[in-house]
Every structure is written in structure tokens, then in C-alpha cells.
Amino acid sequence: MGTIAMSSAVTRVRVDDEQRLYASILEIGVYLGLVVLLVTFALYVTGIVEPAVPIHALPEYWGLSAQQHLELINAQYLHREHALRREKAREALEQRAVIRQPLERSVRDDAVERRSGLPG
């Protein structure tokens, strides 16, 4: 087997002043982003700022496409006119009702089964 010779010499790389400036700007941006992240998380955890969509409502939206999800969230919780036209919001709400009905039936059936003691 051959051996690999390791050099103990350190190669010096010349770094321009512009690169140093860019690196320092990136470093400041990273730390500012981290501070904003931590502050907003603290606001959320303490309850000062509530989530746009209640946590208990999230499972209703898991199976939807991104477009359907955005339309329903906007129509139900955000109410932003510039994001959706009224017709699309109405369609999204109607579709949500169709999606919600089987979910409500399933929850109701599970509750009845638990009360009666009969397996599903």
C-alpha cells in the first residue's frame, strides 16, 4: 500500500477588500435574520401574536394542493382582496365545505363508537 504525504505548509490565499466587505455584510445579515427569527418566535410562543391559522384547523388543509390551501386560508382567515377574486374565494369556501363534511362525519362516527363501545 502506498502512503500519502501530508504537507504541513499552509497555503495563503489573497483575499480582496471587496470580498472582506461582502463577507462582513453577509455576517451582519445572518445575525439580523437570527435575531428577527428569535423575536418572532418568542412573540408567537408567549401568545402576543396569534397564528394566522388556528392550530386545530391545520389538519383540514393537509391534503390540499398549494393553490387550494392558499385560496382557503385567504378566504377563511386572512380576507385579503388583492390575493383572490371574490368568485375564487366563494369556490374555495364551497370546496372546503365538501372536504369538511366527510371529516365531520368521521369524527362524529368515532365519537358514537366510543360511547357505544363497539369497534369500527
PDB file of N, CA and C in Angstrom:
ATOM      1  N   MET A   1       0.838  -1.175   0.000  1.00  0.00           N
ATOM      2  CA  MET A   1       0.000   0.000   0.000  1.00  0.00           C
ATOM      3  C   MET A   1       0.884   1.238   0.000  1.00  0.00           C
ATOM      4  N   GLY A   2       0.442   2.239  -0.707  1.00  0.00           N
ATOM      5  CA  GLY A   2       1.189   3.489  -0.755  1.00  0.00           C
ATOM      6  C   GLY A   2       0.786   4.409   0.384  1.00  0.00           C
ATOM      7  N   THR A   3       1.646   5.298   0.710  1.00  0.00           N
ATOM      8  CA  THR A   3       1.333   6.274   1.751  1.00  0.00           C
ATOM      9  C   THR A   3       1.142   7.637   1.101  1.00  0.00           C
ATOM     10  N   ILE A   4       0.308   8.418   1.735  1.00  0.00           N
ATOM     11  CA  ILE A   4       0.044   9.765   1.232  1.00  0.00           C
ATOM     12  C   ILE A   4       0.831  10.739   2.091  1.00  0.00           C
ATOM     13  N   ALA A   5       1.643  11.531   1.461  1.00  0.00           N
ATOM     14  CA  ALA A   5       2.450  12.510   2.183  1.00  0.00           C
ATOM     15  C   ALA A   5       1.602  13.743   2.454  1.00  0.00           C
ATOM     16  N   MET A   6       1.583  14.174   3.687  1.00  0.00           N
ATOM     17  CA  MET A   6       0.830  15.362   4.072  1.00  0.00           C
ATOM     18  C   MET A   6       1.810  16.512   4.226  1.00  0.00           C
ATOM     19  N   SER A   7       1.482  17.620   3.654  1.00  0.00           N
ATOM     20  CA  SER A   7       2.333  18.791   3.758  1.00  0.00           C
ATOM     21  C   SER A   7       1.891  19.626   4.944  1.00  0.00           C
ATOM     22  N   SER A   8       2.820  20.082   5.715  1.00  0.00           N
ATOM     23  CA  SER A   8       2.488  20.938   6.854  1.00  0.00           C
ATOM     24  C   SER A   8       2.500  22.406   6.462  1.00  0.00           C
ATOM     25  N   ALA A   9       2.799  22.664   5.222  1.00  0.00           N
ATOM     26  CA  ALA A   9       2.829  24.052   4.761  1.00  0.00           C
ATOM     27  C   ALA A   9       1.400  24.559   4.580  1.00  0.00           C
ATOM     28  N   VAL A  10       1.142  25.786   5.011  1.00  0.00           N
ATOM     29  CA  VAL A  10      -0.165  26.409   4.891  1.00  0.00           C
ATOM     30  C   VAL A  10      -0.150  27.293   3.654  1.00  0.00           C
ATOM     31  N   THR A  11      -1.117  27.102   2.811  1.00  0.00           N
ATOM     32  CA  THR A  11      -1.218  27.911   1.604  1.00  0.00           C
ATOM     33  C   THR A  11      -1.974  29.186   1.939  1.00  0.00           C
ATOM     34  N   ARG A  12      -1.380  30.297   1.646  1.00  0.00           N
ATOM     35  CA  ARG A  12      -2.009  31.601   1.898  1.00  0.00           C
ATOM     36  C   ARG A  12      -2.818  32.004   0.677  1.00  0.00           C
ATOM     37  N   VAL A  13      -4.044  32.389   0.901  1.00  0.00           N
ATOM     38  CA  VAL A  13      -4.914  32.842  -0.177  1.00  0.00           C
ATOM     39  C   VAL A  13      -5.106  34.335  -0.014  1.00  0.00           C
ATOM     40  N   ARG A  14      -4.935  35.051  -1.080  1.00  0.00           N
ATOM     41  CA  ARG A  14      -5.102  36.504  -1.037  1.00  0.00           C
ATOM     42  C   ARG A  14      -6.589  36.820  -1.130  1.00  0.00           C
ATOM     43  N   VAL A  15      -7.095  37.599  -0.176  1.00  0.00           N
ATOM     44  CA  VAL A  15      -8.500  37.986  -0.143  1.00  0.00           C
ATOM     45  C   VAL A  15      -8.579  39.491  -0.361  1.00  0.00           C
ATOM     46  N   ASP A  16      -9.356  39.878  -1.359  1.00  0.00           N
ATOM     47  CA  ASP A  16      -9.515  41.300  -1.670  1.00  0.00           C
ATOM     48  C   ASP A  16     -10.356  41.986  -0.616  1.00  0.00           C
ATOM     49  N   ASP A  17     -10.231  43.315  -0.567  1.00  0.00           N
ATOM     50  CA  ASP A  17     -11.018  44.108   0.380  1.00  0.00           C
ATOM     51  C   ASP A  17     -12.516  43.991   0.091  1.00  0.00           C
ATOM     52  N   GLU A  18     -12.881  43.886  -1.192  1.00  0.00           N
ATOM     53  CA  GLU A  18     -14.289  43.750  -1.550  1.00  0.00           C
ATOM     54  C   GLU A  18     -14.874  42.445  -1.004  1.00  0.00           C
ATOM     55  N   GLN A  19     -14.072  41.378  -1.043  1.00  0.00           N
ATOM     56  CA  GLN A  19     -14.531  40.104  -0.506  1.00  0.00           C
ATOM     57  C   GLN A  19     -14.713  40.169   1.004  1.00  0.00           C
ATOM     58  N   ARG A  20     -13.807  40.850   1.668  1.00  0.00           N
ATOM     59  CA  ARG A  20     -13.948  41.018   3.122  1.00  0.00           C
ATOM     60  C   ARG A  20     -15.199  41.833   3.462  1.00  0.00           C
ATOM     61  N   LEU A  21     -15.435  42.899   2.706  1.00  0.00           N
ATOM     62  CA  LEU A  21     -16.623  43.721   2.927  1.00  0.00           C
ATOM     63  C   LEU A  21     -17.894  42.899   2.708  1.00  0.00           C
ATOM     64  N   TYR A  22     -17.935  42.137   1.617  1.00  0.00           N
ATOM     65  CA  TYR A  22     -19.087  41.295   1.309  1.00  0.00           C
ATOM     66  C   TYR A  22     -19.311  40.259   2.416  1.00  0.00           C
ATOM     67  N   ALA A  23     -18.241  39.661   2.901  1.00  0.00           N
ATOM     68  CA  ALA A  23     -18.355  38.669   3.969  1.00  0.00           C
ATOM     69  C   ALA A  23     -18.891  39.307   5.248  1.00  0.00           C
ATOM     70  N   SER A  24     -18.450  40.506   5.549  1.00  0.00           N
ATOM     71  CA  SER A  24     -18.941  41.166   6.764  1.00  0.00           C
ATOM     72  C   SER A  24     -20.411  41.552   6.626  1.00  0.00           C
ATOM     73  N   ILE A  25     -20.824  41.959   5.424  1.00  0.00           N
ATOM     74  CA  ILE A  25     -22.238  42.269   5.191  1.00  0.00           C
ATOM     75  C   ILE A  25     -23.086  41.007   5.342  1.00  0.00           C
ATOM     76  N   LEU A  26     -22.614  39.900   4.797  1.00  0.00           N
ATOM     77  CA  LEU A  26     -23.330  38.630   4.956  1.00  0.00           C
ATOM     78  C   LEU A  26     -23.440  38.221   6.422  1.00  0.00           C
ATOM     79  N   GLU A  27     -22.365  38.415   7.155  1.00  0.00           N
ATOM     80  CA  GLU A  27     -22.369  38.058   8.574  1.00  0.00           C
ATOM     81  C   GLU A  27     -23.398  38.887   9.335  1.00  0.00           C
ATOM     82  N   ILE A  28     -23.434  40.174   9.068  1.00  0.00           N
ATOM     83  CA  ILE A  28     -24.422  41.044   9.726  1.00  0.00           C
ATOM     84  C   ILE A  28     -25.831  40.602   9.358  1.00  0.00           C
ATOM     85  N   GLY A  29     -26.063  40.278   8.078  1.00  0.00           N
ATOM     86  CA  GLY A  29     -27.383  39.819   7.642  1.00  0.00           C
ATOM     87  C   GLY A  29     -27.811  38.539   8.326  1.00  0.00           C
ATOM     88  N   VAL A  30     -26.878  37.617   8.489  1.00  0.00           N
ATOM     89  CA  VAL A  30     -27.189  36.352   9.157  1.00  0.00           C
ATOM     90  C   VAL A  30     -27.586  36.605  10.607  1.00  0.00           C
ATOM     91  N   TYR A  31     -26.840  37.442  11.300  1.00  0.00           N
ATOM     92  CA  TYR A  31     -27.162  37.707  12.701  1.00  0.00           C
ATOM     93  C   TYR A  31     -28.469  38.481  12.848  1.00  0.00           C
ATOM     94  N   LEU A  32     -28.734  39.425  11.938  1.00  0.00           N
ATOM     95  CA  LEU A  32     -30.011  40.141  11.994  1.00  0.00           C
ATOM     96  C   LEU A  32     -31.175  39.184  11.737  1.00  0.00           C
ATOM     97  N   GLY A  33     -31.018  38.299  10.768  1.00  0.00           N
ATOM     98  CA  GLY A  33     -32.059  37.318  10.484  1.00  0.00           C
ATOM     99  C   GLY A  33     -32.320  36.412  11.673  1.00  0.00           C
ATOM    100  N   LEU A  34     -31.255  36.007  12.350  1.00  0.00           N
ATOM    101  CA  LEU A  34     -31.401  35.161  13.535  1.00  0.00           C
ATOM    102  C   LEU A  34     -32.139  35.890  14.651  1.00  0.00           C
ATOM    103  N   VAL A  35     -31.819  37.160  14.845  1.00  0.00           N
ATOM    104  CA  VAL A  35     -32.494  37.950  15.878  1.00  0.00           C
ATOM    105  C   VAL A  35     -33.976  38.092  15.547  1.00  0.00           C
ATOM    106  N   VAL A  36     -34.295  38.392  14.293  1.00  0.00           N
ATOM    107  CA  VAL A  36     -35.701  38.518  13.888  1.00  0.00           C
ATOM    108  C   VAL A  36     -36.431  37.188  14.099  1.00  0.00           C
ATOM    109  N   LEU A  37     -35.801  36.099  13.727  1.00  0.00           N
ATOM    110  CA  LEU A  37     -36.392  34.776  13.920  1.00  0.00           C
ATOM    111  C   LEU A  37     -36.684  34.507  15.390  1.00  0.00           C
ATOM    112  N   LEU A  38     -35.731  34.775  16.254  1.00  0.00           N
ATOM    113  CA  LEU A  38     -35.912  34.517  17.680  1.00  0.00           C
ATOM    114  C   LEU A  38     -36.976  35.422  18.292  1.00  0.00           C
ATOM    115  N   VAL A  39     -37.006  36.693  17.888  1.00  0.00           N
ATOM    116  CA  VAL A  39     -38.007  37.628  18.426  1.00  0.00           C
ATOM    117  C   VAL A  39     -39.410  37.210  17.988  1.00  0.00           C
ATOM    118  N   THR A  40     -39.577  36.894  16.714  1.00  0.00           N
ATOM    119  CA  THR A  40     -40.916  36.499  16.256  1.00  0.00           C
ATOM    120  C   THR A  40     -41.349  35.180  16.880  1.00  0.00           C
ATOM    121  N   PHE A  41     -40.423  34.260  17.078  1.00  0.00           N
ATOM    122  CA  PHE A  41     -40.770  33.004  17.742  1.00  0.00           C
ATOM    123  C   PHE A  41     -41.197  33.275  19.188  1.00  0.00           C
ATOM    124  N   ALA A  42     -40.489  34.149  19.868  1.00  0.00           N
ATOM    125  CA  ALA A  42     -40.851  34.494  21.251  1.00  0.00           C
ATOM    126  C   ALA A  42     -42.234  35.144  21.297  1.00  0.00           C
ATOM    127  N   LEU A  43     -42.539  36.012  20.337  1.00  0.00           N
ATOM    128  CA  LEU A  43     -43.863  36.638  20.289  1.00  0.00           C
ATOM    129  C   LEU A  43     -44.956  35.586  20.079  1.00  0.00           C
ATOM    130  N   TYR A  44     -44.681  34.605  19.249  1.00  0.00           N
ATOM    131  CA  TYR A  44     -45.648  33.544  18.981  1.00  0.00           C
ATOM    132  C   TYR A  44     -45.838  32.642  20.209  1.00  0.00           C
ATOM    133  N   VAL A  45     -44.728  32.237  20.830  1.00  0.00           N
ATOM    134  CA  VAL A  45     -44.796  31.316  21.969  1.00  0.00           C
ATOM    135  C   VAL A  45     -45.484  31.969  23.159  1.00  0.00           C
ATOM    136  N   THR A  46     -45.242  33.252  23.382  1.00  0.00           N
ATOM    137  CA  THR A  46     -45.863  33.930  24.525  1.00  0.00           C
ATOM    138  C   THR A  46     -47.325  34.267  24.279  1.00  0.00           C
ATOM    139  N   GLY A  47     -47.789  34.172  23.033  1.00  0.00           N
ATOM    140  CA  GLY A  47     -49.185  34.442  22.731  1.00  0.00           C
ATOM    141  C   GLY A  47     -49.464  35.891  22.406  1.00  0.00           C
ATOM    142  N   ILE A  48     -48.443  36.715  22.337  1.00  0.00           N
ATOM    143  CA  ILE A  48     -48.643  38.117  21.997  1.00  0.00           C
ATOM    144  C   ILE A  48     -49.153  38.236  20.566  1.00  0.00           C
ATOM    145  N   VAL A  49     -48.608  37.422  19.675  1.00  0.00           N
ATOM    146  CA  VAL A  49     -49.064  37.362  18.284  1.00  0.00           C
ATOM    147  C   VAL A  49     -49.640  35.975  18.053  1.00  0.00           C
ATOM    148  N   GLU A  50     -50.887  35.937  17.592  1.00  0.00           N
ATOM    149  CA  GLU A  50     -51.531  34.648  17.346  1.00  0.00           C
ATOM    150  C   GLU A  50     -51.260  34.200  15.917  1.00  0.00           C
ATOM    151  N   PRO A  51     -51.266  32.885  15.670  1.00  0.00           N
ATOM    152  CA  PRO A  51     -51.042  32.399  14.309  1.00  0.00           C
ATOM    153  C   PRO A  51     -52.196  32.806  13.392  1.00  0.00           C
ATOM    154  N   ALA A  52     -51.909  32.962  12.117  1.00  0.00           N
ATOM    155  CA  ALA A  52     -52.944  33.337  11.152  1.00  0.00           C
ATOM    156  C   ALA A  52     -53.992  32.241  11.028  1.00  0.00           C
ATOM    157  N   VAL A  53     -53.564  30.995  11.114  1.00  0.00           N
ATOM    158  CA  VAL A  53     -54.472  29.850  11.039  1.00  0.00           C
ATOM    159  C   VAL A  53     -54.399  29.122  12.373  1.00  0.00           C
ATOM    160  N   PRO A  54     -55.539  28.922  13.037  1.00  0.00           N
ATOM    161  CA  PRO A  54     -55.516  28.209  14.316  1.00  0.00           C
ATOM    162  C   PRO A  54     -54.926  26.805  14.165  1.00  0.00           C
ATOM    163  N   ILE A  55     -54.189  26.372  15.158  1.00  0.00           N
ATOM    164  CA  ILE A  55     -53.519  25.078  15.113  1.00  0.00           C
ATOM    165  C   ILE A  55     -54.522  23.946  14.908  1.00  0.00           C
ATOM    166  N   HIS A  56     -55.686  24.020  15.557  1.00  0.00           N
ATOM    167  CA  HIS A  56     -56.663  22.938  15.445  1.00  0.00           C
ATOM    168  C   HIS A  56     -57.250  22.806  14.026  1.00  0.00           C
ATOM    169  N   ALA A  57     -57.118  23.845  13.202  1.00  0.00           N
ATOM    170  CA  ALA A  57     -57.675  23.812  11.851  1.00  0.00           C
ATOM    171  C   ALA A  57     -56.690  23.278  10.813  1.00  0.00           C
ATOM    172  N   LEU A  58     -55.431  23.127  11.160  1.00  0.00           N
ATOM    173  CA  LEU A  58     -54.414  22.718  10.189  1.00  0.00           C
ATOM    174  C   LEU A  58     -54.670  21.362   9.530  1.00  0.00           C
ATOM    175  N   PRO A  59     -55.124  20.325  10.251  1.00  0.00           N
ATOM    176  CA  PRO A  59     -55.331  19.033   9.584  1.00  0.00           C
ATOM    177  C   PRO A  59     -56.333  19.083   8.428  1.00  0.00           C
ATOM    178  N   GLU A  60     -57.247  20.036   8.448  1.00  0.00           N
ATOM    179  CA  GLU A  60     -58.220  20.153   7.367  1.00  0.00           C
ATOM    180  C   GLU A  60     -57.557  20.519   6.040  1.00  0.00           C
ATOM    181  N   TYR A  61     -56.386  21.125   6.089  1.00  0.00           N
ATOM    182  CA  TYR A  61     -55.735  21.637   4.885  1.00  0.00           C
ATOM    183  C   TYR A  61     -54.580  20.760   4.409  1.00  0.00           C
ATOM    184  N   TRP A  62     -54.232  19.708   5.112  1.00  0.00           N
ATOM    185  CA  TRP A  62     -53.049  18.911   4.786  1.00  0.00           C
ATOM    186  C   TRP A  62     -53.119  18.246   3.420  1.00  0.00           C
ATOM    187  N   GLY A  63     -54.267  17.795   2.993  1.00  0.00           N
ATOM    188  CA  GLY A  63     -54.371  17.067   1.749  1.00  0.00           C
ATOM    189  C   GLY A  63     -54.579  17.936   0.520  1.00  0.00           C
ATOM    190  N   LEU A  64     -54.611  19.234   0.681  1.00  0.00           N
ATOM    191  CA  LEU A  64     -54.893  20.125  -0.433  1.00  0.00           C
ATOM    192  C   LEU A  64     -53.637  20.485  -1.205  1.00  0.00           C
ATOM    193  N   SER A  65     -53.843  20.895  -2.448  1.00  0.00           N
ATOM    194  CA  SER A  65     -52.717  21.416  -3.222  1.00  0.00           C
ATOM    195  C   SER A  65     -52.348  22.794  -2.670  1.00  0.00           C
ATOM    196  N   ALA A  66     -51.204  23.298  -3.079  1.00  0.00           N
ATOM    197  CA  ALA A  66     -50.764  24.606  -2.592  1.00  0.00           C
ATOM    198  C   ALA A  66     -51.761  25.698  -2.980  1.00  0.00           C
ATOM    199  N   GLN A  67     -52.257  25.637  -4.204  1.00  0.00           N
ATOM    200  CA  GLN A  67     -53.213  26.648  -4.672  1.00  0.00           C
ATOM    201  C   GLN A  67     -54.499  26.600  -3.850  1.00  0.00           C
ATOM    202  N   GLN A  68     -55.038  25.406  -3.640  1.00  0.00           N
ATOM    203  CA  GLN A  68     -56.258  25.266  -2.840  1.00  0.00           C
ATOM    204  C   GLN A  68     -56.020  25.732  -1.413  1.00  0.00           C
ATOM    205  N   HIS A  69     -54.871  25.365  -0.863  1.00  0.00           N
ATOM    206  CA  HIS A  69     -54.533  25.759   0.504  1.00  0.00           C
ATOM    207  C   HIS A  69     -54.517  27.279   0.635  1.00  0.00           C
ATOM    208  N   LEU A  70     -53.836  27.955  -0.278  1.00  0.00           N
ATOM    209  CA  LEU A  70     -53.750  29.406  -0.210  1.00  0.00           C
ATOM    210  C   LEU A  70     -55.112  30.062  -0.384  1.00  0.00           C
ATOM    211  N   GLU A  71     -55.914  29.547  -1.301  1.00  0.00           N
ATOM    212  CA  GLU A  71     -57.245  30.112  -1.510  1.00  0.00           C
ATOM    213  C   GLU A  71     -58.115  29.961  -0.271  1.00  0.00           C
ATOM    214  N   LEU A  72     -58.099  28.784   0.337  1.00  0.00           N
ATOM    215  CA  LEU A  72     -58.931  28.556   1.517  1.00  0.00           C
ATOM    216  C   LEU A  72     -58.471  29.364   2.720  1.00  0.00           C
ATOM    217  N   ILE A  73     -57.165  29.412   2.938  1.00  0.00           N
ATOM    218  CA  ILE A  73     -56.647  30.173   4.073  1.00  0.00           C
ATOM    219  C   ILE A  73     -56.997  31.644   3.914  1.00  0.00           C
ATOM    220  N   ASN A  74     -56.850  32.163   2.695  1.00  0.00           N
ATOM    221  CA  ASN A  74     -57.176  33.563   2.464  1.00  0.00           C
ATOM    222  C   ASN A  74     -58.668  33.817   2.650  1.00  0.00           C
ATOM    223  N   ALA A  75     -59.497  32.941   2.111  1.00  0.00           N
ATOM    224  CA  ALA A  75     -60.938  33.128   2.203  1.00  0.00           C
ATOM    225  C   ALA A  75     -61.431  32.985   3.639  1.00  0.00           C
ATOM    226  N   GLN A  76     -60.846  32.064   4.396  1.00  0.00           N
ATOM    227  CA  GLN A  76     -61.335  31.781   5.739  1.00  0.00           C
ATOM    228  C   GLN A  76     -60.737  32.690   6.815  1.00  0.00           C
ATOM    229  N   TYR A  77     -59.444  32.989   6.707  1.00  0.00           N
ATOM    230  CA  TYR A  77     -58.770  33.670   7.811  1.00  0.00           C
ATOM    231  C   TYR A  77     -58.179  35.033   7.464  1.00  0.00           C
ATOM    232  N   LEU A  78     -57.562  35.166   6.309  1.00  0.00           N
ATOM    233  CA  LEU A  78     -56.812  36.384   6.008  1.00  0.00           C
ATOM    234  C   LEU A  78     -57.670  37.477   5.393  1.00  0.00           C
ATOM    235  N   HIS A  79     -58.590  37.125   4.531  1.00  0.00           N
ATOM    236  CA  HIS A  79     -59.518  38.064   3.889  1.00  0.00           C
ATOM    237  C   HIS A  79     -58.794  39.173   3.144  1.00  0.00           C
ATOM    238  N   ARG A  80     -57.831  38.807   2.322  1.00  0.00           N
ATOM    239  CA  ARG A  80     -57.098  39.800   1.536  1.00  0.00           C
ATOM    240  C   ARG A  80     -57.701  39.858   0.149  1.00  0.00           C
ATOM    241  N   GLU A  81     -58.210  41.012  -0.229  1.00  0.00           N
ATOM    242  CA  GLU A  81     -58.852  41.176  -1.526  1.00  0.00           C
ATOM    243  C   GLU A  81     -57.871  41.061  -2.678  1.00  0.00           C
ATOM    244  N   HIS A  82     -56.672  41.590  -2.517  1.00  0.00           N
ATOM    245  CA  HIS A  82     -55.723  41.598  -3.620  1.00  0.00           C
ATOM    246  C   HIS A  82     -55.202  40.202  -3.961  1.00  0.00           C
ATOM    247  N   ALA A  83     -55.314  39.258  -3.059  1.00  0.00           N
ATOM    248  CA  ALA A  83     -54.788  37.916  -3.310  1.00  0.00           C
ATOM    249  C   ALA A  83     -55.774  37.040  -4.082  1.00  0.00           C
ATOM    250  N   LEU A  84     -57.047  37.286  -3.907  1.00  0.00           N
ATOM    251  CA  LEU A  84     -58.067  36.449  -4.543  1.00  0.00           C
ATOM    252  C   LEU A  84     -59.214  37.299  -5.066  1.00  0.00           C
ATOM    253  N   ARG A  85     -59.805  36.820  -6.123  1.00  0.00           N
ATOM    254  CA  ARG A  85     -61.043  37.449  -6.563  1.00  0.00           C
ATOM    255  C   ARG A  85     -62.188  36.827  -5.774  1.00  0.00           C
ATOM    256  N   ARG A  86     -63.289  37.539  -5.693  1.00  0.00           N
ATOM    257  CA  ARG A  86     -64.413  37.058  -4.890  1.00  0.00           C
ATOM    258  C   ARG A  86     -64.941  35.707  -5.360  1.00  0.00           C
ATOM    259  N   GLU A  87     -64.979  35.476  -6.683  1.00  0.00           N
ATOM    260  CA  GLU A  87     -65.504  34.201  -7.185  1.00  0.00           C
ATOM    261  C   GLU A  87     -64.635  33.033  -6.721  1.00  0.00           C
ATOM    262  N   LYS A  88     -63.327  33.227  -6.787  1.00  0.00           N
ATOM    263  CA  LYS A  88     -62.427  32.158  -6.369  1.00  0.00           C
ATOM    264  C   LYS A  88     -62.569  31.893  -4.874  1.00  0.00           C
ATOM    265  N   ALA A  89     -62.751  32.938  -4.097  1.00  0.00           N
ATOM    266  CA  ALA A  89     -62.935  32.760  -2.655  1.00  0.00           C
ATOM    267  C   ALA A  89     -64.211  31.972  -2.383  1.00  0.00           C
ATOM    268  N   ARG A  90     -65.263  32.291  -3.127  1.00  0.00           N
ATOM    269  CA  ARG A  90     -66.516  31.574  -2.952  1.00  0.00           C
ATOM    270  C   ARG A  90     -66.353  30.097  -3.321  1.00  0.00           C
ATOM    271  N   GLU A  91     -65.667  29.840  -4.425  1.00  0.00           N
ATOM    272  CA  GLU A  91     -65.414  28.457  -4.835  1.00  0.00           C
ATOM    273  C   GLU A  91     -64.587  27.716  -3.786  1.00  0.00           C
ATOM    274  N   ALA A  92     -63.596  28.395  -3.225  1.00  0.00           N
ATOM    275  CA  ALA A  92     -62.747  27.773  -2.216  1.00  0.00           C
ATOM    276  C   ALA A  92     -63.557  27.414  -0.977  1.00  0.00           C
ATOM    277  N   LEU A  93     -64.455  28.302  -0.573  1.00  0.00           N
ATOM    278  CA  LEU A  93     -65.286  28.018   0.597  1.00  0.00           C
ATOM    279  C   LEU A  93     -66.235  26.856   0.330  1.00  0.00           C
ATOM    280  N   GLU A  94     -66.780  26.801  -0.882  1.00  0.00           N
ATOM    281  CA  GLU A  94     -67.656  25.682  -1.230  1.00  0.00           C
ATOM    282  C   GLU A  94     -66.886  24.375  -1.231  1.00  0.00           C
ATOM    283  N   GLN A  95     -65.681  24.397  -1.766  1.00  0.00           N
ATOM    284  CA  GLN A  95     -64.862  23.187  -1.791  1.00  0.00           C
ATOM    285  C   GLN A  95     -64.493  22.773  -0.366  1.00  0.00           C
ATOM    286  N   ARG A  96     -64.250  23.734   0.485  1.00  0.00           N
ATOM    287  CA  ARG A  96     -63.913  23.421   1.880  1.00  0.00           C
ATOM    288  C   ARG A  96     -65.088  22.726   2.556  1.00  0.00           C
ATOM    289  N   ALA A  97     -66.303  23.170   2.239  1.00  0.00           N
ATOM    290  CA  ALA A  97     -67.487  22.533   2.815  1.00  0.00           C
ATOM    291  C   ALA A  97     -67.579  21.084   2.362  1.00  0.00           C
ATOM    292  N   VAL A  98     -67.243  20.820   1.108  1.00  0.00           N
ATOM    293  CA  VAL A  98     -67.270  19.447   0.591  1.00  0.00           C
ATOM    294  C   VAL A  98     -66.208  18.603   1.279  1.00  0.00           C
ATOM    295  N   ILE A  99     -65.034  19.177   1.503  1.00  0.00           N
ATOM    296  CA  ILE A  99     -63.950  18.449   2.168  1.00  0.00           C
ATOM    297  C   ILE A  99     -64.285  18.226   3.640  1.00  0.00           C
ATOM    298  N   ARG A 100     -64.924  19.194   4.240  1.00  0.00           N
ATOM    299  CA  ARG A 100     -65.183  19.144   5.673  1.00  0.00           C
ATOM    300  C   ARG A 100     -66.264  18.128   6.035  1.00  0.00           C
ATOM    301  N   GLN A 101     -67.260  17.935   5.176  1.00  0.00           N
ATOM    302  CA  GLN A 101     -68.375  17.048   5.508  1.00  0.00           C
ATOM    303  C   GLN A 101     -67.923  15.631   5.850  1.00  0.00           C
ATOM    304  N   PRO A 102     -67.086  14.976   5.022  1.00  0.00           N
ATOM    305  CA  PRO A 102     -66.650  13.620   5.396  1.00  0.00           C
ATOM    306  C   PRO A 102     -65.829  13.618   6.684  1.00  0.00           C
ATOM    307  N   LEU A 103     -65.050  14.660   6.898  1.00  0.00           N
ATOM    308  CA  LEU A 103     -64.247  14.752   8.118  1.00  0.00           C
ATOM    309  C   LEU A 103     -65.158  14.834   9.338  1.00  0.00           C
ATOM    310  N   GLU A 104     -66.194  15.684   9.269  1.00  0.00           N
ATOM    311  CA  GLU A 104     -67.119  15.818  10.399  1.00  0.00           C
ATOM    312  C   GLU A 104     -67.873  14.515  10.644  1.00  0.00           C
ATOM    313  N   ARG A 105     -68.283  13.825   9.551  1.00  0.00           N
ATOM    314  CA  ARG A 105     -68.964  12.542   9.707  1.00  0.00           C
ATOM    315  C   ARG A 105     -68.060  11.529  10.385  1.00  0.00           C
ATOM    316  N   SER A 106     -66.800  11.501   9.991  1.00  0.00           N
ATOM    317  CA  SER A 106     -65.849  10.557  10.558  1.00  0.00           C
ATOM    318  C   SER A 106     -65.639  10.820  12.045  1.00  0.00           C
ATOM    319  N   VAL A 107     -65.502  12.073  12.421  1.00  0.00           N
ATOM    320  CA  VAL A 107     -65.320  12.424  13.837  1.00  0.00           C
ATOM    321  C   VAL A 107     -66.571  12.061  14.624  1.00  0.00           C
ATOM    322  N   ARG A 108     -67.732  12.344  14.063  1.00  0.00           N
ATOM    323  CA  ARG A 108     -68.998  12.033  14.742  1.00  0.00           C
ATOM    324  C   ARG A 108     -69.152  10.525  14.904  1.00  0.00           C
ATOM    325  N   ASP A 109     -68.833   9.751  13.853  1.00  0.00           N
ATOM    326  CA  ASP A 109     -68.934   8.297  13.929  1.00  0.00           C
ATOM    327  C   ASP A 109     -67.978   7.724  14.968  1.00  0.00           C
ATOM    328  N   ASP A 110     -66.769   8.261  15.037  1.00  0.00           N
ATOM    329  CA  ASP A 110     -65.808   7.807  16.043  1.00  0.00           C
ATOM    330  C   ASP A 110     -66.324   8.062  17.452  1.00  0.00           C
ATOM    331  N   ALA A 111     -66.956   9.211  17.657  1.00  0.00           N
ATOM    332  CA  ALA A 111     -67.485   9.543  18.974  1.00  0.00           C
ATOM    333  C   ALA A 111     -68.611   8.590  19.353  1.00  0.00           C
ATOM    334  N   VAL A 112     -69.471   8.266  18.403  1.00  0.00           N
ATOM    335  CA  VAL A 112     -70.583   7.337  18.665  1.00  0.00           C
ATOM    336  C   VAL A 112     -70.033   5.960  18.995  1.00  0.00           C
ATOM    337  N   GLU A 113     -69.003   5.523  18.246  1.00  0.00           N
ATOM    338  CA  GLU A 113     -68.404   4.215  18.508  1.00  0.00           C
ATOM    339  C   GLU A 113     -67.796   4.160  19.901  1.00  0.00           C
ATOM    340  N   ARG A 114     -67.138   5.232  20.305  1.00  0.00           N
ATOM    341  CA  ARG A 114     -66.513   5.237  21.639  1.00  0.00           C
ATOM    342  C   ARG A 114     -67.567   5.159  22.728  1.00  0.00           C
ATOM    343  N   ARG A 115     -68.689   5.866  22.520  1.00  0.00           N
ATOM    344  CA  ARG A 115     -69.743   5.840  23.529  1.00  0.00           C
ATOM    345  C   ARG A 115     -70.423   4.466  23.602  1.00  0.00           C
ATOM    346  N   SER A 116     -70.607   3.840  22.465  1.00  0.00           N
ATOM    347  CA  SER A 116     -71.304   2.562  22.452  1.00  0.00           C
ATOM    348  C   SER A 116     -70.387   1.393  22.775  1.00  0.00           C
ATOM    349  N   GLY A 117     -69.073   1.615  22.638  1.00  0.00           N
ATOM    350  CA  GLY A 117     -68.129   0.557  22.928  1.00  0.00           C
ATOM    351  C   GLY A 117     -67.960  -0.445  21.821  1.00  0.00           C
ATOM    352  N   LEU A 118     -68.577  -0.156  20.644  1.00  0.00           N
ATOM    353  CA  LEU A 118     -68.476  -1.061  19.519  1.00  0.00           C
ATOM    354  C   LEU A 118     -67.251  -0.713  18.678  1.00  0.00           C
ATOM    355  N   PRO A 119     -66.515  -1.721  18.237  1.00  0.00           N
ATOM    356  CA  PRO A 119     -65.376  -1.425  17.378  1.00  0.00           C
ATOM    357  C   PRO A 119     -65.860  -1.008  15.992  1.00  0.00           C
ATOM    358  N   GLY A 120     -65.002  -0.192  15.277  1.00  0.00           N
ATOM    359  CA  GLY A 120     -65.356   0.309  13.941  1.00  0.00           C
ATOM    360  C   GLY A 120     -65.226  -0.726  12.971  1.00  0.00           C
TER     361      GLY A 120
END
